[in-house]
Amino acid sequence: MKKMISLLLVCVMAFSFTACGNSAETEEADTAEVAVTEETTEEAETEEATAEEVATDGTITVGVVQTNANESDWRTANTKSFNEAFAEAGFEIKMVFGEGDHAKQISQAQQLIQEEVDYLVVLGLQSAGWEDVAKAAKEAGIPFIMADRKLELSEDLYTAMVCSDFEAEGVKAVDWLKTQELDAAKIVVLGGDTGSSAQLGRSKAIEDGAAANGWEIVFNQNMKGWDETLAKQAVADLIASGTEFNVIYAENDNMARGACDAMDAAGITYGKDGDVTVIAFDANKWALEYVLEGKFNLDVECNPLHGPRIVELINSLEAGEVVEQNAYVDEEMFDCDTITQEIVDARSY
């Protein structure tokens, strides 16, 4: 009987040890699983924090809707100014080019809004038709900034404007032309892209000036893309047709050079000592050389260096400062009788 009781006690003790062993193993497994879970959670939280830091690292993204990549020397300098100034400021730039297509620019601007850029800067090929884009930007909380060219928008739809006053540029040229006391001004107007604020302003100035001063505009045509070759051909055709003129009013430097090339081919003198007065706009460095040499009589400045101005504007907005909504760029004009080599040398574009 004692043997049976002893055997029973041994079995019970053996079972107890087995049960305890299994319990310890389970507890260890549970502890390990909790440790793994906590480690995984910490890793996930770390990755999430890193992603959040990247998303809020302070980089400002600016969408720029540019007109064309290679429209003119002026436009090349303008694009370079944005790229250099934004890079120096640490901004990310998303620049798109309309390449002469107004509808394409509208679509590009809408896409930049969808991409949630921090600021939208528009240089419009045409001044009209931007209402829907401006409204979409406002609804998305994206400041809408006009650069270079003023657009036809009510002041509640845009944050700021940093532009040239194109009509004022044209008025400078008209006032200068009045001082030349031509017996009978017969003017060839070589306009830029139809409907752009630059074309509208400069054309209005000369048209109003001609009406007020009794001048005759013998030719008035806009050149798509402000194209030098088109301007050269237009003047060559005028010469071939026998049309008389004594003033070239070219709304950018490149078209003025095209007109000069056409007159060279026809043996017509122009400039300071010639029969035809040449007025240009933009005042690129090479064009100021033309003024200095007496090929252009007058060049009215249109400053392309908008990059630093837009950077300053955005930094002010980021700081919560009140900015001037409508700012025009200060610009000069250069006369072949007064320009100096020092002025040309100082030109950065």
Protein backbone atom coordinates (compact mmCIF):
# COMPACT_ATOMS: atom_id res chain seq x y z
CA MET A 1 0.00 0.00 0.00
CA LYS A 2 2.86 2.33 0.93
CA LYS A 3 4.50 1.51 -2.38
CA MET A 4 1.34 2.48 -4.25
CA ILE A 5 1.06 5.75 -2.32
CA SER A 6 4.72 6.53 -2.95
CA LEU A 7 4.31 5.80 -6.67
CA LEU A 8 1.27 8.07 -6.82
CA LEU A 9 3.17 10.89 -5.11
CA VAL A 10 6.01 10.56 -7.63
CA CYS A 11 3.58 10.83 -10.56
CA VAL A 12 1.88 13.89 -9.09
CA MET A 13 5.22 15.64 -8.52
CA ALA A 14 6.37 14.82 -12.05
CA PHE A 15 3.18 16.28 -13.53
CA SER A 16 3.60 19.40 -11.38
CA PHE A 17 7.15 19.95 -12.66
CA THR A 18 5.99 19.55 -16.26
CA ALA A 19 3.16 21.99 -15.77
CA CYS A 20 5.48 24.55 -14.17
CA GLY A 21 7.94 24.17 -17.05
CA ASN A 22 5.24 24.77 -19.64
CA SER A 23 4.00 27.81 -17.71
CA ALA A 24 7.48 29.34 -17.58
CA GLU A 25 7.99 28.79 -21.31
CA THR A 26 4.64 30.42 -22.07
CA GLU A 27 5.47 33.39 -19.85
CA GLU A 28 8.83 33.81 -21.58
CA ALA A 29 7.17 33.66 -25.02
CA ASP A 30 4.57 36.22 -23.99
CA THR A 31 7.31 38.52 -22.68
CA ALA A 32 9.27 38.19 -25.92
CA GLU A 33 6.17 38.92 -28.01
CA VAL A 34 5.45 42.07 -26.00
CA ALA A 35 9.07 43.18 -26.46
CA VAL A 36 8.86 42.65 -30.25
CA THR A 37 5.55 44.48 -30.40
CA GLU A 38 6.93 47.42 -28.45
CA GLU A 39 10.07 47.50 -30.66
CA THR A 40 7.96 47.43 -33.85
CA THR A 41 5.73 50.20 -32.53
CA GLU A 42 8.77 52.33 -31.65
CA GLU A 43 10.21 51.79 -35.15
CA ALA A 44 6.89 52.77 -36.75
CA GLU A 45 6.65 55.85 -34.58
CA THR A 46 10.24 56.79 -35.49
CA GLU A 47 9.53 56.37 -39.22
CA GLU A 48 6.35 58.41 -38.89
CA ALA A 49 8.20 61.19 -37.06
CA THR A 50 10.92 61.17 -39.73
CA ALA A 51 8.33 61.43 -42.50
CA GLU A 52 6.67 64.31 -40.66
CA GLU A 53 10.01 66.10 -40.31
CA VAL A 54 10.61 65.73 -44.06
CA ALA A 55 7.13 67.05 -44.83
CA THR A 56 7.64 70.05 -42.55
CA ASP A 57 11.32 70.76 -43.08
CA GLY A 58 10.57 74.36 -43.93
CA THR A 59 11.31 74.18 -47.66
CA ILE A 60 9.12 76.61 -49.58
CA THR A 61 7.86 75.30 -52.93
CA VAL A 62 7.09 77.92 -55.56
CA GLY A 63 5.28 77.13 -58.79
CA VAL A 64 6.26 79.49 -61.63
CA VAL A 65 4.20 79.64 -64.82
CA GLN A 66 6.65 81.14 -67.32
CA THR A 67 5.78 82.30 -70.85
CA ASN A 68 8.41 80.63 -73.01
CA ALA A 69 11.79 79.00 -72.59
CA ASN A 70 13.54 80.87 -75.43
CA GLU A 71 11.29 83.77 -76.36
CA SER A 72 14.03 86.41 -76.35
CA ASP A 73 17.23 87.46 -74.63
CA TRP A 74 15.06 89.27 -72.08
CA ARG A 75 13.11 86.11 -71.24
CA THR A 76 16.29 84.08 -70.90
CA ALA A 77 17.60 86.59 -68.36
CA ASN A 78 14.23 86.56 -66.59
CA THR A 79 14.21 82.77 -66.18
CA LYS A 80 17.82 82.76 -65.02
CA SER A 81 16.97 85.38 -62.40
CA PHE A 82 14.23 83.18 -60.91
CA ASN A 83 16.37 80.05 -60.85
CA GLU A 84 19.37 81.74 -59.25
CA ALA A 85 17.44 83.76 -56.67
CA PHE A 86 15.25 80.85 -55.60
CA ALA A 87 18.23 78.51 -55.28
CA GLU A 88 20.07 81.03 -53.13
CA ALA A 89 16.98 81.44 -50.92
CA GLY A 90 16.60 77.68 -50.53
CA PHE A 91 13.24 77.58 -52.30
CA GLU A 92 12.18 74.62 -54.41
CA ILE A 93 11.09 75.90 -57.81
CA LYS A 94 8.65 74.17 -60.13
CA MET A 95 8.85 76.15 -63.37
CA VAL A 96 6.70 75.35 -66.39
CA PHE A 97 6.71 77.00 -69.81
CA GLY A 98 3.62 77.89 -71.82
CA GLU A 99 5.58 78.03 -75.10
CA GLY A 100 3.21 80.59 -76.61
CA ASP A 101 0.03 78.70 -75.65
CA HIS A 102 -2.31 80.57 -73.28
CA ALA A 103 -4.54 77.52 -72.70
CA LYS A 104 -1.46 75.45 -71.84
CA GLN A 105 -0.44 78.01 -69.23
CA ILE A 106 -3.89 77.82 -67.63
CA SER A 107 -3.67 74.02 -67.45
CA GLN A 108 -0.14 74.17 -66.03
CA ALA A 109 -1.22 76.59 -63.32
CA GLN A 110 -4.14 74.35 -62.33
CA GLN A 111 -1.76 71.39 -62.11
CA LEU A 112 0.60 73.29 -59.81
CA ILE A 113 -2.35 74.08 -57.55
CA GLN A 114 -3.20 70.37 -57.46
CA GLU A 115 0.40 69.67 -56.47
CA GLU A 116 -0.13 72.01 -53.50
CA VAL A 117 2.74 74.40 -54.10
CA ASP A 118 3.17 77.00 -51.36
CA TYR A 119 3.09 79.96 -53.77
CA LEU A 120 1.98 80.38 -57.38
CA VAL A 121 3.81 82.95 -59.54
CA VAL A 122 2.29 83.66 -62.95
CA LEU A 123 3.81 85.43 -65.94
CA GLY A 124 0.86 85.38 -68.30
CA LEU A 125 1.14 85.22 -72.06
CA GLN A 126 -2.20 87.03 -72.15
CA SER A 127 -3.58 89.38 -69.54
CA ALA A 128 -7.16 88.05 -69.62
CA GLY A 129 -8.60 84.66 -68.67
CA TRP A 130 -6.95 84.00 -65.29
CA GLU A 131 -10.00 84.33 -63.02
CA ASP A 132 -10.64 80.59 -62.55
CA VAL A 133 -6.99 79.91 -61.75
CA ALA A 134 -6.85 82.74 -59.23
CA LYS A 135 -10.06 81.53 -57.57
CA ALA A 136 -8.74 77.95 -57.38
CA ALA A 137 -5.51 79.16 -55.78
CA LYS A 138 -7.44 81.25 -53.26
CA GLU A 139 -9.66 78.31 -52.31
CA ALA A 140 -6.54 76.16 -51.84
CA GLY A 141 -4.92 78.81 -49.64
CA ILE A 142 -2.09 79.39 -52.14
CA PRO A 143 -0.98 83.02 -52.57
CA PHE A 144 -1.28 84.10 -56.22
CA ILE A 145 1.51 86.44 -57.36
CA MET A 146 1.76 88.25 -60.69
CA ALA A 147 5.28 88.84 -61.99
CA ASP A 148 6.49 90.78 -65.03
CA ARG A 149 3.02 91.16 -66.59
CA LYS A 150 -0.11 92.51 -64.93
CA LEU A 151 -3.18 90.31 -65.38
CA GLU A 152 -6.82 91.37 -65.55
CA LEU A 153 -7.86 90.31 -62.03
CA SER A 154 -9.78 92.03 -59.26
CA GLU A 155 -7.64 92.79 -56.23
CA ASP A 156 -9.41 90.21 -54.05
CA LEU A 157 -8.09 87.39 -56.26
CA TYR A 158 -4.35 87.94 -56.00
CA THR A 159 -1.90 88.51 -53.17
CA ALA A 160 0.66 90.73 -54.86
CA MET A 161 1.95 92.03 -58.18
CA VAL A 162 5.55 92.83 -59.11
CA CYS A 163 5.40 94.05 -62.70
CA SER A 164 6.63 96.53 -65.26
CA ASP A 165 4.36 99.42 -66.20
CA PHE A 166 4.33 98.85 -69.94
CA GLU A 167 2.18 101.82 -70.87
CA ALA A 168 4.49 104.06 -68.85
CA GLU A 169 7.42 102.61 -70.80
CA GLY A 170 5.69 103.50 -74.03
CA VAL A 171 4.87 107.01 -72.83
CA LYS A 172 8.58 107.56 -72.12
CA ALA A 173 9.34 106.69 -75.74
CA VAL A 174 6.53 108.92 -77.02
CA ASP A 175 7.69 111.87 -74.92
CA TRP A 176 11.24 111.37 -76.17
CA LEU A 177 10.08 111.19 -79.79
CA LYS A 178 8.30 114.52 -79.40
CA THR A 179 11.65 116.13 -78.58
CA GLN A 180 13.10 114.95 -81.92
CA GLU A 181 10.89 117.39 -83.83
CA LEU A 182 10.42 115.26 -86.93
CA ASP A 183 8.70 117.08 -89.78
CA ALA A 184 6.31 114.22 -90.41
CA ALA A 185 6.66 111.07 -88.38
CA LYS A 186 5.77 107.93 -90.32
CA ILE A 187 5.91 105.12 -87.81
CA VAL A 188 6.29 101.35 -88.16
CA VAL A 189 4.98 99.62 -85.04
CA LEU A 190 6.32 96.10 -84.46
CA GLY A 191 4.19 94.77 -81.62
CA GLY A 192 4.69 91.75 -79.40
CA ASP A 193 2.36 88.86 -78.59
CA THR A 194 -1.23 89.97 -79.10
CA GLY A 195 -3.10 90.40 -75.83
CA SER A 196 -0.06 90.38 -73.55
CA SER A 197 0.07 93.28 -71.13
CA ALA A 198 3.44 94.32 -72.59
CA GLN A 199 2.00 94.55 -76.09
CA LEU A 200 -1.19 96.24 -74.94
CA GLY A 201 0.59 98.89 -72.89
CA ARG A 202 3.33 99.77 -75.36
CA SER A 203 0.97 99.77 -78.33
CA LYS A 204 -1.54 101.99 -76.55
CA ALA A 205 1.16 104.52 -75.75
CA ILE A 206 2.31 104.93 -79.35
CA GLU A 207 -1.21 104.87 -80.76
CA ASP A 208 -2.34 107.57 -78.32
CA GLY A 209 0.86 109.52 -78.95
CA ALA A 210 0.39 109.41 -82.71
CA ALA A 211 -3.20 110.63 -82.43
CA ALA A 212 -2.20 113.46 -80.09
CA ASN A 213 0.78 114.64 -82.13
CA GLY A 214 -0.44 114.18 -85.69
CA TRP A 215 1.95 111.32 -86.43
CA GLU A 216 1.10 108.65 -88.99
CA ILE A 217 1.34 104.96 -88.18
CA VAL A 218 2.01 103.37 -91.57
CA PHE A 219 2.28 99.80 -90.24
CA ASN A 220 1.09 98.26 -87.00
CA GLN A 221 1.35 94.50 -86.62
CA ASN A 222 2.04 92.15 -83.72
CA MET A 223 4.71 89.48 -84.03
CA LYS A 224 3.95 86.14 -82.41
CA GLY A 225 6.60 85.30 -79.86
CA TRP A 226 8.19 88.76 -80.21
CA ASP A 227 10.09 87.12 -83.02
CA GLU A 228 13.13 88.80 -84.58
CA THR A 229 12.85 86.92 -87.87
CA LEU A 230 9.19 87.86 -88.31
CA ALA A 231 10.03 91.51 -87.65
CA LYS A 232 12.85 91.43 -90.19
CA GLN A 233 10.55 89.96 -92.83
CA ALA A 234 7.79 92.47 -92.09
CA VAL A 235 10.16 95.43 -92.57
CA ALA A 236 11.68 93.86 -95.69
CA ASP A 237 8.18 93.51 -97.15
CA LEU A 238 7.39 97.14 -96.32
CA ILE A 239 10.55 98.29 -98.07
CA ALA A 240 9.77 96.12 -101.10
CA SER A 241 6.26 97.58 -101.29
CA GLY A 242 7.60 101.12 -101.35
CA THR A 243 6.05 102.11 -98.01
CA GLU A 244 7.78 105.19 -96.62
CA PHE A 245 8.71 105.33 -92.93
CA ASN A 246 11.16 107.20 -90.75
CA VAL A 247 10.51 105.68 -87.30
CA ILE A 248 10.76 102.06 -86.14
CA TYR A 249 8.92 101.47 -82.86
CA ALA A 250 9.87 97.90 -81.98
CA GLU A 251 8.40 96.56 -78.76
CA ASN A 252 11.49 94.55 -77.87
CA ASP A 253 15.22 94.60 -78.64
CA ASN A 254 15.21 91.53 -80.83
CA MET A 255 12.55 92.87 -83.20
CA ALA A 256 14.43 96.18 -83.42
CA ARG A 257 17.54 94.26 -84.48
CA GLY A 258 15.51 92.37 -87.07
CA ALA A 259 14.28 95.68 -88.50
CA CYS A 260 17.85 96.98 -88.67
CA ASP A 261 18.96 93.86 -90.54
CA ALA A 262 16.21 94.43 -93.11
CA MET A 263 17.24 98.06 -93.56
CA ASP A 264 20.89 97.05 -93.89
CA ALA A 265 19.97 94.68 -96.70
CA ALA A 266 18.08 97.47 -98.47
CA GLY A 267 20.77 100.11 -97.98
CA ILE A 268 18.60 102.29 -95.71
CA THR A 269 20.45 104.27 -93.05
CA TYR A 270 19.15 104.41 -89.51
CA GLY A 271 20.11 105.32 -85.97
CA LYS A 272 21.96 108.37 -84.74
CA ASP A 273 23.19 109.54 -88.15
CA GLY A 274 20.62 107.81 -90.35
CA ASP A 275 17.27 108.50 -91.98
CA VAL A 276 15.22 106.21 -89.72
CA THR A 277 14.87 106.64 -85.98
CA VAL A 278 14.94 103.31 -84.10
CA ILE A 279 13.18 102.91 -80.76
CA ALA A 280 13.51 99.63 -78.87
CA PHE A 281 12.38 98.20 -75.53
CA ASP A 282 14.00 95.95 -72.88
CA ALA A 283 17.58 97.30 -72.82
CA ASN A 284 19.55 94.07 -72.82
CA LYS A 285 23.30 94.61 -72.60
CA TRP A 286 23.90 93.86 -76.29
CA ALA A 287 21.12 96.31 -77.18
CA LEU A 288 22.74 99.03 -75.07
CA GLU A 289 25.87 98.40 -77.15
CA TYR A 290 23.68 99.18 -80.18
CA VAL A 291 22.61 102.43 -78.52
CA LEU A 292 26.22 103.30 -77.73
CA GLU A 293 27.19 102.61 -81.35
CA GLY A 294 24.31 104.78 -82.58
CA LYS A 295 22.34 101.92 -84.21
CA PHE A 296 19.40 102.34 -81.84
CA ASN A 297 18.39 105.91 -81.03
CA LEU A 298 16.55 104.98 -77.84
CA ASP A 299 16.07 101.89 -75.71
CA VAL A 300 13.50 101.88 -72.90
CA GLU A 301 14.35 99.58 -70.02
CA CYS A 302 12.18 96.65 -68.99
CA ASN A 303 14.03 95.02 -66.12
CA PRO A 304 13.86 91.18 -66.17
CA LEU A 305 15.49 90.55 -62.79
CA HIS A 306 12.32 89.65 -60.89
CA GLY A 307 13.78 86.69 -58.97
CA PRO A 308 15.19 88.63 -55.99
CA ARG A 309 12.03 90.76 -55.81
CA ILE A 310 9.79 87.70 -55.58
CA VAL A 311 12.06 86.11 -52.97
CA GLU A 312 11.85 89.26 -50.86
CA LEU A 313 8.07 89.31 -51.26
CA ILE A 314 7.66 85.65 -50.24
CA ASN A 315 9.96 86.08 -47.23
CA SER A 316 7.86 89.04 -46.10
CA LEU A 317 4.68 86.99 -46.44
CA GLU A 318 6.26 84.11 -44.53
CA ALA A 319 7.10 86.55 -41.73
CA GLY A 320 3.47 87.65 -41.57
CA GLU A 321 4.22 91.14 -42.85
CA VAL A 322 1.81 93.28 -44.84
CA VAL A 323 3.15 93.66 -48.39
CA GLU A 324 2.41 96.20 -51.10
CA GLN A 325 -0.18 94.59 -53.35
CA ASN A 326 0.66 96.51 -56.54
CA ALA A 327 4.34 97.24 -57.09
CA TYR A 328 5.84 98.51 -60.33
CA VAL A 329 9.54 98.17 -61.13
CA ASP A 330 11.63 101.34 -61.51
CA GLU A 331 12.98 101.55 -65.05
CA GLU A 332 15.10 103.92 -67.13
CA MET A 333 15.61 104.79 -70.77
CA PHE A 334 18.87 105.12 -72.69
CA ASP A 335 19.48 107.72 -75.42
CA CYS A 336 22.28 107.37 -77.97
CA ASP A 337 23.31 110.96 -77.24
CA THR A 338 23.78 110.44 -73.51
CA ILE A 339 24.66 106.77 -72.91
CA THR A 340 28.18 105.94 -71.72
CA GLN A 341 30.41 102.89 -71.83
CA GLU A 342 30.17 102.70 -68.03
CA ILE A 343 26.40 102.20 -68.26
CA VAL A 344 26.85 99.36 -70.75
CA ASP A 345 29.59 97.71 -68.72
CA ALA A 346 27.47 97.79 -65.58
CA ARG A 347 24.65 95.81 -67.25
CA SER A 348 24.32 92.32 -65.80
CA TYR A 349 22.12 90.83 -68.51
